[in-house]
Amino acid sequence: MLQIGEYNRLKVLRETKVGLFLGDEEQDVLLPKKYIPKEFFIGDEMNVFIYLDHEERPVATTLKPYVKLNEFAHLKVNYINKFGAFLDWGLEKDLFVPFKEQAKPMEVGKRYLIYAYLDEKTNRLAATSKVQKYFATDVPDYEPNEEVEVMISHITDMGINVIIENRYKGLAYADEVFKDIKLGKKTKAYIKQVRPDGKIDVTFTKIGLEAIDDDAQVILKELKANNGFLGLHDKSHPEEIKTILQMSKKAFKKAVGSLYKARLIDIKDNGIFLV
């Protein structure tokens, strides 16, 4: 059975003038001619995304949408009509947001945090900016330092709000963020702690000894890019270290210590040298 709003692994059944038909004995779907790969054979399997076209028929594409079923994303409004707003999600047909599913009236050109769901009446993928009900309410059993995938959802004075694995809300405190952050960006993060009330703190750098290894690699890379010298030391301003290496001064000092113990660098008053 075809899964609307998802990637489907389907077999090539036959070729026609309009494209390839993919599927199985019970159901097939058209992959339009413009998306046909240069080489294929009848019986091959292809990974395609399924959605409804302008005539509300299932259609396959090899394009990669910005969001799939049951996922969050930050998307831009392309246009608005009497039915609702239409979002750019990387496919030919825009993603529909009914007026009743808008937390506040959407405006053309602006980006909004949305959740993609399947409309049971039309069987088509739609979006809503009323996202709160789609967050999980259970307390997850994440372990400290566990790697997770997150999406940047909001930026506040307190820190960076993230959505963890399309299920949970999380927060990275502002004074612990040392990398470029962009709304909607997907990246990896690490669990700092899960509070008794279910709130989750995350960090974008590994905690403890593992972090030293990663930060040390950053310093080594910077040294090699600058002829073996880096003009940073224990008296350097934290902002200078953050600008050059995107890490805290504390992390910098730990990483320098590990590199020195490994006899990979030499430490002078004016900076560090690659041995």
Foldseek 3Di string as FASTA:
>chain_A
DDDAQAKDWWFFADADPQATWTHDPPDIAGAGPVQDDPDDDGGDIDTWHWFADPVLHIHTHPWDWQGGALAKFKWFWADADPQATFTRGGDPGTAGEGPVQEPDHDDHGGIAIWHWHQDPVSRGIHIHRPCPVSADQDQDPADFQDKWKWFFADQDQQATWIDTPSHHIAGEGNVQWLDDDDHRDIDMWGWHDQDPNRYTYIHRAGDDPVRLVVLLVLVVVVCVVVVFWDQDDLPDDQVVCSVRRSGGSVSVVSNVVVCVVVVQWDADPRGIGGD
